[in-house]
């Protein structure tokens, strides 16, 4: 009998190919054991494109048609259990497709850990343009204590409570976003307050690429009283600010709040008045 490795070791070896989809696809054709281990890595993150114009950029993430997503998950429950992350590319003119295609698929995604919402259209996505069903579903995912990573790009009027109540959140990326009802950040006793039993998310990684006004509002999530986001475990921080005049004092106060555990910090101020010049990027490893 030919010697075989334990299944755990085979999975460990195949993990070294997790960023090489072509190699994983080839391994999935070798034998049944390799197919199971390879498919776990191939479908760990999937891309669901709701936009009318598909992106031409080469992606390592498998792309699944949104209109066949439910049939795909129903026919392959083992693959559905392997999905850890979903990247949504939505068109602001076709947000109703989320209700018809994605929401019925949520019961199949029991092991989902990360979500991403992006758009290819010129017009950004406004939170209030999402249906109430879609908003409640996103809130339910946050409350489930399963989601550990979130990424939003070009989503306007994003509610603060969606982030502050995601108790398991560890990695957060915000690009070109604005926040809903920013006045409640300065007055936590106003529109919304965290429940007494809730625990603030302890972020380990944070990426911000936003305007100065959005940065000013976001920093109050950390420096306000009570703080809606816990920064005591933050290890990686990347900040890009778009503003003709940047308030370095606010950044200084922000770093004083998160600096105790910070190991890597990248900062890139970008002014619209100097678009011809390349942005200044400062990346440093903070001492322990």
C-alpha atoms as a PDB file:
ATOM      1  CA  UNK A   1       0.000   0.000   0.000  1.00  0.00           C
ATOM      2  CA  UNK A   2       1.327   3.428  -0.939  1.00  0.00           C
ATOM      3  CA  UNK A   3       2.102   5.586   2.101  1.00  0.00           C
ATOM      4  CA  UNK A   4      -0.244   8.539   2.672  1.00  0.00           C
ATOM      5  CA  UNK A   5       0.056  11.611   4.854  1.00  0.00           C
ATOM      6  CA  UNK A   6      -2.529  12.354   7.525  1.00  0.00           C
ATOM      7  CA  UNK A   7      -5.289  14.581   6.194  1.00  0.00           C
ATOM      8  CA  UNK A   8      -4.286  17.393   8.564  1.00  0.00           C
ATOM      9  CA  UNK A   9      -0.773  17.486   7.099  1.00  0.00           C
ATOM     10  CA  UNK A  10      -2.136  17.493   3.555  1.00  0.00           C
ATOM     11  CA  UNK A  11      -4.243  20.545   4.406  1.00  0.00           C
ATOM     12  CA  UNK A  12      -1.223  22.211   5.977  1.00  0.00           C
ATOM     13  CA  UNK A  13       0.833  21.661   2.809  1.00  0.00           C
ATOM     14  CA  UNK A  14      -1.948  22.976   0.563  1.00  0.00           C
ATOM     15  CA  UNK A  15      -2.249  26.093   2.723  1.00  0.00           C
ATOM     16  CA  UNK A  16       1.040  27.250   1.196  1.00  0.00           C
ATOM     17  CA  UNK A  17      -0.839  27.543  -2.119  1.00  0.00           C
ATOM     18  CA  UNK A  18      -3.664  29.677  -0.761  1.00  0.00           C
ATOM     19  CA  UNK A  19      -2.608  32.675  -2.891  1.00  0.00           C
ATOM     20  CA  UNK A  20      -2.165  30.602  -6.059  1.00  0.00           C
ATOM     21  CA  UNK A  21      -5.667  29.751  -7.370  1.00  0.00           C
ATOM     22  CA  UNK A  22      -4.352  27.997 -10.480  1.00  0.00           C
ATOM     23  CA  UNK A  23      -2.260  25.620  -8.378  1.00  0.00           C
ATOM     24  CA  UNK A  24      -5.178  24.947  -6.044  1.00  0.00           C
ATOM     25  CA  UNK A  25      -7.446  24.134  -8.983  1.00  0.00           C
ATOM     26  CA  UNK A  26      -4.852  21.685 -10.276  1.00  0.00           C
ATOM     27  CA  UNK A  27      -4.551  20.070  -6.842  1.00  0.00           C
ATOM     28  CA  UNK A  28      -8.318  19.669  -6.623  1.00  0.00           C
ATOM     29  CA  UNK A  29      -8.143  17.323  -9.632  1.00  0.00           C
ATOM     30  CA  UNK A  30      -5.546  14.998  -8.089  1.00  0.00           C
ATOM     31  CA  UNK A  31      -7.772  13.003  -5.757  1.00  0.00           C
ATOM     32  CA  UNK A  32     -10.807  13.244  -3.527  1.00  0.00           C
ATOM     33  CA  UNK A  33      -8.817  14.215  -0.425  1.00  0.00           C
ATOM     34  CA  UNK A  34      -6.993  17.001  -2.259  1.00  0.00           C
ATOM     35  CA  UNK A  35     -10.262  18.214  -3.740  1.00  0.00           C
ATOM     36  CA  UNK A  36     -11.851  18.749  -0.331  1.00  0.00           C
ATOM     37  CA  UNK A  37      -8.821  20.565   1.083  1.00  0.00           C
ATOM     38  CA  UNK A  38      -8.320  22.665  -2.058  1.00  0.00           C
ATOM     39  CA  UNK A  39     -11.958  23.736  -2.300  1.00  0.00           C
ATOM     40  CA  UNK A  40     -11.851  24.980   1.288  1.00  0.00           C
ATOM     41  CA  UNK A  41      -9.097  27.383   0.254  1.00  0.00           C
ATOM     42  CA  UNK A  42     -10.504  28.248  -3.177  1.00  0.00           C
ATOM     43  CA  UNK A  43     -13.915  29.246  -1.834  1.00  0.00           C
ATOM     44  CA  UNK A  44     -12.762  30.715   1.472  1.00  0.00           C
ATOM     45  CA  UNK A  45     -13.480  34.156  -0.014  1.00  0.00           C
ATOM     46  CA  UNK A  46     -15.859  34.748  -2.907  1.00  0.00           C
ATOM     47  CA  UNK A  47     -16.808  37.788  -4.984  1.00  0.00           C
ATOM     48  CA  UNK A  48     -20.457  38.579  -5.702  1.00  0.00           C
ATOM     49  CA  UNK A  49     -20.813  41.300  -8.352  1.00  0.00           C
ATOM     50  CA  UNK A  50     -24.213  43.016  -8.539  1.00  0.00           C
ATOM     51  CA  UNK A  51     -22.978  45.866 -10.727  1.00  0.00           C
ATOM     52  CA  UNK A  52     -24.034  46.245 -14.354  1.00  0.00           C
ATOM     53  CA  UNK A  53     -20.419  46.547 -15.566  1.00  0.00           C
ATOM     54  CA  UNK A  54     -18.063  43.855 -14.354  1.00  0.00           C
ATOM     55  CA  UNK A  55     -14.534  44.797 -13.376  1.00  0.00           C
ATOM     56  CA  UNK A  56     -11.745  43.851 -15.747  1.00  0.00           C
ATOM     57  CA  UNK A  57      -9.206  43.607 -12.973  1.00  0.00           C
ATOM     58  CA  UNK A  58      -7.744  40.151 -12.483  1.00  0.00           C
ATOM     59  CA  UNK A  59      -8.832  38.720  -9.144  1.00  0.00           C
ATOM     60  CA  UNK A  60      -7.744  35.680  -7.239  1.00  0.00           C
ATOM     61  CA  UNK A  61     -11.137  35.571  -5.512  1.00  0.00           C
ATOM     62  CA  UNK A  62     -13.672  33.277  -7.252  1.00  0.00           C
ATOM     63  CA  UNK A  63     -16.529  35.241  -8.796  1.00  0.00           C
ATOM     64  CA  UNK A  64     -20.043  33.904  -8.332  1.00  0.00           C
ATOM     65  CA  UNK A  65     -23.054  35.158 -10.233  1.00  0.00           C
ATOM     66  CA  UNK A  66     -25.473  36.788  -7.767  1.00  0.00           C
ATOM     67  CA  UNK A  67     -28.462  35.276  -9.541  1.00  0.00           C
ATOM     68  CA  UNK A  68     -27.041  31.761  -9.209  1.00  0.00           C
ATOM     69  CA  UNK A  69     -25.676  32.197  -5.700  1.00  0.00           C
ATOM     70  CA  UNK A  70     -28.577  30.545  -3.884  1.00  0.00           C
ATOM     71  CA  UNK A  71     -28.592  27.544  -6.240  1.00  0.00           C
ATOM     72  CA  UNK A  72     -24.814  27.265  -5.873  1.00  0.00           C
ATOM     73  CA  UNK A  73     -24.958  27.231  -2.071  1.00  0.00           C
ATOM     74  CA  UNK A  74     -27.927  24.853  -1.995  1.00  0.00           C
ATOM     75  CA  UNK A  75     -26.290  22.352  -4.326  1.00  0.00           C
ATOM     76  CA  UNK A  76     -22.904  22.466  -2.567  1.00  0.00           C
ATOM     77  CA  UNK A  77     -23.472  22.716   1.197  1.00  0.00           C
ATOM     78  CA  UNK A  78     -19.883  21.632   1.877  1.00  0.00           C
ATOM     79  CA  UNK A  79     -18.566  24.598  -0.105  1.00  0.00           C
ATOM     80  CA  UNK A  80     -21.090  26.888   1.587  1.00  0.00           C
ATOM     81  CA  UNK A  81     -19.624  25.884   4.942  1.00  0.00           C
ATOM     82  CA  UNK A  82     -16.142  26.729   3.623  1.00  0.00           C
ATOM     83  CA  UNK A  83     -17.001  30.350   2.821  1.00  0.00           C
ATOM     84  CA  UNK A  84     -15.427  32.696   5.355  1.00  0.00           C
ATOM     85  CA  UNK A  85     -15.620  35.993   3.480  1.00  0.00           C
ATOM     86  CA  UNK A  86     -17.810  37.656   0.846  1.00  0.00           C
ATOM     87  CA  UNK A  87     -16.947  40.727  -1.220  1.00  0.00           C
ATOM     88  CA  UNK A  88     -19.995  42.522  -2.620  1.00  0.00           C
ATOM     89  CA  UNK A  89     -19.713  44.884  -5.562  1.00  0.00           C
ATOM     90  CA  UNK A  90     -23.066  46.618  -5.784  1.00  0.00           C
ATOM     91  CA  UNK A  91     -24.464  49.120  -8.249  1.00  0.00           C
ATOM     92  CA  UNK A  92     -26.263  52.048  -6.628  1.00  0.00           C
ATOM     93  CA  UNK A  93     -28.957  51.748  -9.311  1.00  0.00           C
ATOM     94  CA  UNK A  94     -29.577  48.034  -8.664  1.00  0.00           C
ATOM     95  CA  UNK A  95     -29.537  47.733  -4.891  1.00  0.00           C
ATOM     96  CA  UNK A  96     -32.850  45.892  -5.001  1.00  0.00           C
ATOM     97  CA  UNK A  97     -30.959  42.866  -6.316  1.00  0.00           C
ATOM     98  CA  UNK A  98     -29.477  42.432  -2.848  1.00  0.00           C
ATOM     99  CA  UNK A  99     -32.907  41.589  -1.481  1.00  0.00           C
ATOM    100  CA  UNK A 100     -33.715  39.127  -4.233  1.00  0.00           C
ATOM    101  CA  UNK A 101     -30.409  37.263  -4.347  1.00  0.00           C
ATOM    102  CA  UNK A 102     -28.226  37.735  -1.281  1.00  0.00           C
ATOM    103  CA  UNK A 103     -30.619  37.873   1.654  1.00  0.00           C
ATOM    104  CA  UNK A 104     -32.113  34.389   1.013  1.00  0.00           C
ATOM    105  CA  UNK A 105     -28.550  33.005   1.066  1.00  0.00           C
ATOM    106  CA  UNK A 106     -27.701  34.143   4.594  1.00  0.00           C
ATOM    107  CA  UNK A 107     -28.959  30.923   6.288  1.00  0.00           C
ATOM    108  CA  UNK A 108     -26.426  28.929   4.231  1.00  0.00           C
ATOM    109  CA  UNK A 109     -23.437  31.042   5.342  1.00  0.00           C
ATOM    110  CA  UNK A 110     -23.064  29.761   8.872  1.00  0.00           C
ATOM    111  CA  UNK A 111     -19.275  30.222   8.958  1.00  0.00           C
ATOM    112  CA  UNK A 112     -19.111  33.710   7.458  1.00  0.00           C
ATOM    113  CA  UNK A 113     -16.454  35.845   9.174  1.00  0.00           C
ATOM    114  CA  UNK A 114     -15.854  38.873   6.936  1.00  0.00           C
ATOM    115  CA  UNK A 115     -17.925  41.076   4.637  1.00  0.00           C
ATOM    116  CA  UNK A 116     -17.045  43.793   2.148  1.00  0.00           C
ATOM    117  CA  UNK A 117     -19.284  46.284   0.345  1.00  0.00           C
ATOM    118  CA  UNK A 118     -17.970  48.208  -2.661  1.00  0.00           C
ATOM    119  CA  UNK A 119     -19.268  49.803  -5.864  1.00  0.00           C
ATOM    120  CA  UNK A 120     -17.972  50.148  -9.413  1.00  0.00           C
ATOM    121  CA  UNK A 121     -20.391  52.895 -10.398  1.00  0.00           C
ATOM    122  CA  UNK A 122     -19.626  56.608 -10.322  1.00  0.00           C
ATOM    123  CA  UNK A 123     -22.406  57.165  -7.837  1.00  0.00           C
ATOM    124  CA  UNK A 124     -21.669  56.003  -4.272  1.00  0.00           C
ATOM    125  CA  UNK A 125     -23.918  53.743  -2.228  1.00  0.00           C
ATOM    126  CA  UNK A 126     -26.089  55.541   0.310  1.00  0.00           C
ATOM    127  CA  UNK A 127     -27.029  53.543   3.374  1.00  0.00           C
ATOM    128  CA  UNK A 128     -30.582  54.876   3.384  1.00  0.00           C
ATOM    129  CA  UNK A 129     -31.068  53.573  -0.156  1.00  0.00           C
ATOM    130  CA  UNK A 130     -30.701  50.013   1.082  1.00  0.00           C
ATOM    131  CA  UNK A 131     -33.996  48.363   1.924  1.00  0.00           C
ATOM    132  CA  UNK A 132     -34.953  47.935   5.574  1.00  0.00           C
ATOM    133  CA  UNK A 133     -34.619  44.181   5.093  1.00  0.00           C
ATOM    134  CA  UNK A 134     -31.034  44.569   3.875  1.00  0.00           C
ATOM    135  CA  UNK A 135     -30.150  46.953   6.711  1.00  0.00           C
ATOM    136  CA  UNK A 136     -31.589  44.626   9.349  1.00  0.00           C
ATOM    137  CA  UNK A 137     -29.752  41.666   7.845  1.00  0.00           C
ATOM    138  CA  UNK A 138     -26.424  43.507   8.038  1.00  0.00           C
ATOM    139  CA  UNK A 139     -27.183  44.453  11.638  1.00  0.00           C
ATOM    140  CA  UNK A 140     -28.063  40.833  12.431  1.00  0.00           C
ATOM    141  CA  UNK A 141     -24.719  39.720  11.028  1.00  0.00           C
ATOM    142  CA  UNK A 142     -22.958  42.261  13.247  1.00  0.00           C
ATOM    143  CA  UNK A 143     -24.851  41.173  16.371  1.00  0.00           C
ATOM    144  CA  UNK A 144     -24.148  37.496  15.702  1.00  0.00           C
ATOM    145  CA  UNK A 145     -20.601  37.785  17.141  1.00  0.00           C
ATOM    146  CA  UNK A 146     -19.244  35.980  14.079  1.00  0.00           C
ATOM    147  CA  UNK A 147     -18.030  38.841  11.877  1.00  0.00           C
ATOM    148  CA  UNK A 148     -14.394  39.681  12.638  1.00  0.00           C
ATOM    149  CA  UNK A 149     -13.579  41.817   9.571  1.00  0.00           C
ATOM    150  CA  UNK A 150     -15.503  44.541   7.727  1.00  0.00           C
ATOM    151  CA  UNK A 151     -14.589  46.657   4.710  1.00  0.00           C
ATOM    152  CA  UNK A 152     -16.657  49.484   3.249  1.00  0.00           C
ATOM    153  CA  UNK A 153     -15.711  51.552   0.227  1.00  0.00           C
ATOM    154  CA  UNK A 154     -17.699  54.512  -1.094  1.00  0.00           C
ATOM    155  CA  UNK A 155     -20.609  53.920   1.257  1.00  0.00           C
ATOM    156  CA  UNK A 156     -22.134  57.202   2.444  1.00  0.00           C
ATOM    157  CA  UNK A 157     -24.088  57.852   5.644  1.00  0.00           C
ATOM    158  CA  UNK A 158     -22.788  54.669   7.258  1.00  0.00           C
ATOM    159  CA  UNK A 159     -24.394  54.203  10.714  1.00  0.00           C
ATOM    160  CA  UNK A 160     -21.983  54.179  13.628  1.00  0.00           C
ATOM    161  CA  UNK A 161     -24.028  51.587  15.493  1.00  0.00           C
ATOM    162  CA  UNK A 162     -23.290  48.994  12.782  1.00  0.00           C
ATOM    163  CA  UNK A 163     -19.609  49.143  13.773  1.00  0.00           C
ATOM    164  CA  UNK A 164     -19.944  49.715  17.494  1.00  0.00           C
ATOM    165  CA  UNK A 165     -22.237  46.731  18.081  1.00  0.00           C
ATOM    166  CA  UNK A 166     -20.084  44.256  16.111  1.00  0.00           C
ATOM    167  CA  UNK A 167     -18.505  42.840  19.259  1.00  0.00           C
ATOM    168  CA  UNK A 168     -16.171  40.359  17.517  1.00  0.00           C
ATOM    169  CA  UNK A 169     -14.803  42.944  15.066  1.00  0.00           C
ATOM    170  CA  UNK A 170     -10.993  42.865  14.809  1.00  0.00           C
ATOM    171  CA  UNK A 171     -10.194  44.338  11.372  1.00  0.00           C
ATOM    172  CA  UNK A 172     -11.903  47.396   9.884  1.00  0.00           C
ATOM    173  CA  UNK A 173     -11.261  49.150   6.565  1.00  0.00           C
ATOM    174  CA  UNK A 174     -13.063  52.354   5.575  1.00  0.00           C
ATOM    175  CA  UNK A 175     -12.391  54.044   2.228  1.00  0.00           C
ATOM    176  CA  UNK A 176     -14.235  57.155   1.038  1.00  0.00           C
ATOM    177  CA  UNK A 177     -17.074  56.754   3.541  1.00  0.00           C
ATOM    178  CA  UNK A 178     -19.145  59.241   5.500  1.00  0.00           C
ATOM    179  CA  UNK A 179     -20.995  58.660   8.741  1.00  0.00           C
ATOM    180  CA  UNK A 180     -24.644  58.966   9.572  1.00  0.00           C
ATOM    181  CA  UNK A 181     -25.760  61.505  12.162  1.00  0.00           C
ATOM    182  CA  UNK A 182     -22.273  62.587  13.126  1.00  0.00           C
ATOM    183  CA  UNK A 183     -23.683  64.814  15.861  1.00  0.00           C
ATOM    184  CA  UNK A 184     -24.509  61.728  17.933  1.00  0.00           C
ATOM    185  CA  UNK A 185     -20.761  60.979  18.104  1.00  0.00           C
ATOM    186  CA  UNK A 186     -20.306  64.158  20.101  1.00  0.00           C
ATOM    187  CA  UNK A 187     -23.412  63.431  22.139  1.00  0.00           C
ATOM    188  CA  UNK A 188     -23.605  59.678  22.876  1.00  0.00           C
ATOM    189  CA  UNK A 189     -26.674  60.254  25.007  1.00  0.00           C
ATOM    190  CA  UNK A 190     -28.636  61.409  21.984  1.00  0.00           C
ATOM    191  CA  UNK A 191     -29.839  59.241  19.153  1.00  0.00           C
ATOM    192  CA  UNK A 192     -28.101  55.992  19.996  1.00  0.00           C
ATOM    193  CA  UNK A 193     -26.186  54.555  22.931  1.00  0.00           C
ATOM    194  CA  UNK A 194     -24.591  51.115  23.320  1.00  0.00           C
ATOM    195  CA  UNK A 195     -26.443  48.708  25.546  1.00  0.00           C
ATOM    196  CA  UNK A 196     -25.149  48.091  29.034  1.00  0.00           C
ATOM    197  CA  UNK A 197     -24.337  44.469  28.232  1.00  0.00           C
ATOM    198  CA  UNK A 198     -22.499  45.255  25.001  1.00  0.00           C
ATOM    199  CA  UNK A 199     -18.732  45.112  24.786  1.00  0.00           C
ATOM    200  CA  UNK A 200     -16.891  47.545  22.550  1.00  0.00           C
ATOM    201  CA  UNK A 201     -15.130  45.893  19.593  1.00  0.00           C
ATOM    202  CA  UNK A 202     -11.380  45.455  20.186  1.00  0.00           C
ATOM    203  CA  UNK A 203      -9.772  46.340  16.885  1.00  0.00           C
ATOM    204  CA  UNK A 204      -6.402  44.880  15.917  1.00  0.00           C
ATOM    205  CA  UNK A 205      -6.173  46.345  12.410  1.00  0.00           C
ATOM    206  CA  UNK A 206      -7.586  49.641  11.128  1.00  0.00           C
ATOM    207  CA  UNK A 207      -7.339  51.184   7.659  1.00  0.00           C
ATOM    208  CA  UNK A 208      -8.758  54.676   7.036  1.00  0.00           C
ATOM    209  CA  UNK A 209      -8.766  56.480   3.695  1.00  0.00           C
ATOM    210  CA  UNK A 210     -11.308  59.232   4.240  1.00  0.00           C
ATOM    211  CA  UNK A 211     -11.848  62.980   4.242  1.00  0.00           C
ATOM    212  CA  UNK A 212     -10.792  65.213   7.100  1.00  0.00           C
ATOM    213  CA  UNK A 213     -14.382  65.696   8.310  1.00  0.00           C
ATOM    214  CA  UNK A 214     -15.000  61.943   8.339  1.00  0.00           C
ATOM    215  CA  UNK A 215     -11.710  61.407  10.188  1.00  0.00           C
ATOM    216  CA  UNK A 216     -12.670  64.013  12.763  1.00  0.00           C
ATOM    217  CA  UNK A 217     -15.986  62.228  13.355  1.00  0.00           C
ATOM    218  CA  UNK A 218     -14.395  58.773  13.437  1.00  0.00           C
ATOM    219  CA  UNK A 219     -11.744  59.691  15.999  1.00  0.00           C
ATOM    220  CA  UNK A 220     -14.483  60.506  18.470  1.00  0.00           C
ATOM    221  CA  UNK A 221     -15.425  56.833  18.432  1.00  0.00           C
ATOM    222  CA  UNK A 222     -12.087  56.210  20.185  1.00  0.00           C
ATOM    223  CA  UNK A 223     -11.582  59.389  22.183  1.00  0.00           C
ATOM    224  CA  UNK A 224     -15.181  60.086  23.195  1.00  0.00           C
ATOM    225  CA  UNK A 225     -16.736  59.180  26.499  1.00  0.00           C
ATOM    226  CA  UNK A 226     -17.796  56.447  26.459  1.00  0.00           C
ATOM    227  CA  UNK A 227     -15.497  55.136  23.735  1.00  0.00           C
ATOM    228  CA  UNK A 228     -17.536  53.138  21.231  1.00  0.00           C
ATOM    229  CA  UNK A 229     -14.482  51.297  19.836  1.00  0.00           C
ATOM    230  CA  UNK A 230     -11.737  49.721  21.942  1.00  0.00           C
ATOM    231  CA  UNK A 231      -8.220  50.561  20.716  1.00  0.00           C
ATOM    232  CA  UNK A 232      -6.208  48.867  23.466  1.00  0.00           C
ATOM    233  CA  UNK A 233      -5.318  45.925  21.183  1.00  0.00           C
ATOM    234  CA  UNK A 234      -4.703  47.872  17.960  1.00  0.00           C
ATOM    235  CA  UNK A 235      -1.533  46.611  16.231  1.00  0.00           C
ATOM    236  CA  UNK A 236      -1.723  47.962  12.653  1.00  0.00           C
ATOM    237  CA  UNK A 237      -2.959  51.432  11.699  1.00  0.00           C
ATOM    238  CA  UNK A 238      -3.060  53.011   8.229  1.00  0.00           C
ATOM    239  CA  UNK A 239      -4.397  56.553   7.781  1.00  0.00           C
ATOM    240  CA  UNK A 240      -4.869  58.474   4.513  1.00  0.00           C
ATOM    241  CA  UNK A 241      -6.556  61.876   4.828  1.00  0.00           C
ATOM    242  CA  UNK A 242      -7.886  63.934   1.919  1.00  0.00           C
ATOM    243  CA  UNK A 243      -7.868  67.581   2.971  1.00  0.00           C
ATOM    244  CA  UNK A 244      -6.250  70.887   1.878  1.00  0.00           C
ATOM    245  CA  UNK A 245      -5.543  71.674   5.532  1.00  0.00           C
ATOM    246  CA  UNK A 246      -4.935  68.803   7.902  1.00  0.00           C
ATOM    247  CA  UNK A 247      -5.373  69.005  11.670  1.00  0.00           C
ATOM    248  CA  UNK A 248      -2.276  67.274  13.029  1.00  0.00           C
ATOM    249  CA  UNK A 249      -3.374  67.960  16.598  1.00  0.00           C
ATOM    250  CA  UNK A 250      -6.343  65.629  16.165  1.00  0.00           C
ATOM    251  CA  UNK A 251      -4.079  62.929  14.727  1.00  0.00           C
ATOM    252  CA  UNK A 252      -1.759  63.399  17.706  1.00  0.00           C
ATOM    253  CA  UNK A 253      -4.650  62.891  20.151  1.00  0.00           C
ATOM    254  CA  UNK A 254      -5.758  59.841  18.175  1.00  0.00           C
ATOM    255  CA  UNK A 255      -2.278  58.294  18.316  1.00  0.00           C
ATOM    256  CA  UNK A 256      -2.055  58.944  22.039  1.00  0.00           C
ATOM    257  CA  UNK A 257      -5.183  56.848  22.424  1.00  0.00           C
ATOM    258  CA  UNK A 258      -4.047  53.914  20.287  1.00  0.00           C
ATOM    259  CA  UNK A 259      -0.278  54.138  20.683  1.00  0.00           C
ATOM    260  CA  UNK A 260       0.187  51.751  23.606  1.00  0.00           C
ATOM    261  CA  UNK A 261      -0.154  48.572  21.515  1.00  0.00           C
ATOM    262  CA  UNK A 262       0.614  49.944  18.036  1.00  0.00           C
ATOM    263  CA  UNK A 263       3.357  48.140  16.075  1.00  0.00           C
ATOM    264  CA  UNK A 264       2.909  49.416  12.492  1.00  0.00           C
ATOM    265  CA  UNK A 265       1.703  52.903  11.527  1.00  0.00           C
ATOM    266  CA  UNK A 266       1.309  54.230   7.962  1.00  0.00           C
ATOM    267  CA  UNK A 267       0.308  57.844   7.332  1.00  0.00           C
ATOM    268  CA  UNK A 268      -0.329  59.578   3.989  1.00  0.00           C
ATOM    269  CA  UNK A 269      -1.832  63.103   3.940  1.00  0.00           C
ATOM    270  CA  UNK A 270      -3.188  63.966   0.481  1.00  0.00           C
ATOM    271  CA  UNK A 271      -4.185  67.467  -0.554  1.00  0.00           C
ATOM    272  CA  UNK A 272      -6.482  68.095  -3.551  1.00  0.00           C
ATOM    273  CA  UNK A 273      -4.432  71.251  -4.231  1.00  0.00           C
ATOM    274  CA  UNK A 274      -1.323  69.201  -4.962  1.00  0.00           C
ATOM    275  CA  UNK A 275      -2.680  66.287  -6.968  1.00  0.00           C
ATOM    276  CA  UNK A 276       0.243  66.506  -9.407  1.00  0.00           C
ATOM    277  CA  UNK A 277       2.715  65.591  -6.697  1.00  0.00           C
ATOM    278  CA  UNK A 278       2.923  62.091  -5.311  1.00  0.00           C
ATOM    279  CA  UNK A 279       1.459  61.638  -1.816  1.00  0.00           C
ATOM    280  CA  UNK A 280       3.785  61.465   1.114  1.00  0.00           C
ATOM    281  CA  UNK A 281       3.735  58.046   2.720  1.00  0.00           C
ATOM    282  CA  UNK A 282       5.247  57.437   6.115  1.00  0.00           C
ATOM    283  CA  UNK A 283       5.397  53.884   7.386  1.00  0.00           C
ATOM    284  CA  UNK A 284       7.097  53.010  10.633  1.00  0.00           C
ATOM    285  CA  UNK A 285       7.379  50.151  13.069  1.00  0.00           C
ATOM    286  CA  UNK A 286       6.492  51.373  16.508  1.00  0.00           C
ATOM    287  CA  UNK A 287       8.756  50.209  19.362  1.00  0.00           C
ATOM    288  CA  UNK A 288       7.314  47.689  21.724  1.00  0.00           C
END
